[in-house]
Every structure is written in structure tokens, then in C-alpha cells.
């Protein structure tokens, strides 16, 4: 049973649905394994728990929004 894991910041339900569908479809085609065999785990992280360029992602996003 192939497993696909994705970690990201917060994502919408629609984005989750699309990620699960498209990742499964693509991996199934590449590996020639039926889509029903795949398990997809999505892990969301708070923006304060993600660092980008030495800063918490929450600060990076706030600074971008101020520009």
C-alpha cells in the first residue's frame, strides 16, 4: 500500500480534496498501481511552527501583506 505524505501550512477543504485526488491520480499513473491502493496523509502546521528564511512563516506572511 503506497503512502503519500504532505506537510504544509493551513489549507482549505477544497485544496485538500484536490491534493488527494491529483496526487493519487499522478502517482497511480507513474507507478502503474490502482488508485484504490494509495493512502494520502495531509498534515497541517501552524504558521508559527514553520520557519522560512530564519523567520516564522506567520511573520513572513504579515510582512508580505504590508507591502
Protein backbone atom coordinates (compact mmCIF):
# COMPACT_ATOMS: atom_id res chain seq x y z
CA UNK A 1 0.00 0.00 0.00
CA UNK A 2 1.80 3.19 -1.17
CA UNK A 3 1.66 6.17 1.19
CA UNK A 4 1.92 9.82 0.16
CA UNK A 5 2.60 12.38 2.91
CA UNK A 6 2.34 16.15 2.56
CA UNK A 7 3.12 18.72 5.26
CA UNK A 8 2.03 22.30 4.75
CA UNK A 9 0.57 25.36 6.36
CA UNK A 10 -3.20 25.67 6.70
CA UNK A 11 -5.13 24.63 3.58
CA UNK A 12 -8.80 24.70 2.69
CA UNK A 13 -11.05 21.68 2.37
CA UNK A 14 -11.19 22.26 -1.39
CA UNK A 15 -7.38 22.30 -1.59
CA UNK A 16 -7.24 19.07 0.43
CA UNK A 17 -9.74 17.38 -1.88
CA UNK A 18 -7.74 18.48 -4.93
CA UNK A 19 -4.39 17.44 -3.45
CA UNK A 20 -5.66 13.98 -2.52
CA UNK A 21 -7.28 13.44 -5.91
CA UNK A 22 -4.41 14.76 -8.05
CA UNK A 23 -1.56 13.22 -6.03
CA UNK A 24 -3.29 9.84 -6.14
CA UNK A 25 -4.03 10.12 -9.87
CA UNK A 26 -0.47 11.15 -10.74
CA UNK A 27 1.25 8.56 -8.54
CA UNK A 28 -1.09 5.84 -9.80
CA UNK A 29 -0.23 6.67 -13.40
CA UNK A 30 3.51 6.86 -12.79
CA UNK A 31 3.72 3.68 -10.69
CA UNK A 32 1.01 1.76 -12.55
CA UNK A 33 -0.72 0.91 -9.28
CA UNK A 34 -4.50 1.19 -8.85
CA UNK A 35 -5.63 4.45 -7.17
CA UNK A 36 -7.51 2.43 -4.53
CA UNK A 37 -4.14 1.22 -3.19
CA UNK A 38 -2.92 4.69 -2.18
CA UNK A 39 -3.18 6.34 1.23
CA UNK A 40 -2.64 10.12 1.42
CA UNK A 41 -1.82 11.86 4.70
CA UNK A 42 -2.07 15.63 4.91
CA UNK A 43 -0.52 17.31 7.92
CA UNK A 44 -1.23 20.96 8.54
CA UNK A 45 1.14 23.05 10.62
CA UNK A 46 0.52 26.37 12.29
CA UNK A 47 2.38 29.19 10.57
CA UNK A 48 4.30 29.85 13.80
CA UNK A 49 5.69 26.31 13.56
CA UNK A 50 7.18 26.83 10.08
CA UNK A 51 10.37 28.82 9.52
CA UNK A 52 11.29 30.49 6.23
CA UNK A 53 14.46 32.50 5.81
CA UNK A 54 15.12 32.48 9.54
CA UNK A 55 11.68 33.85 10.46
CA UNK A 56 8.38 32.25 11.45
CA UNK A 57 6.12 31.94 8.41
CA UNK A 58 3.46 33.98 10.23
CA UNK A 59 5.87 36.96 10.28
CA UNK A 60 6.94 36.43 6.63
CA UNK A 61 3.29 36.47 5.52
CA UNK A 62 2.49 39.53 7.65
CA UNK A 63 5.44 41.41 6.16
CA UNK A 64 4.34 40.48 2.62
CA UNK A 65 0.83 41.73 3.31
CA UNK A 66 2.17 45.10 4.49
CA UNK A 67 3.83 45.75 1.12
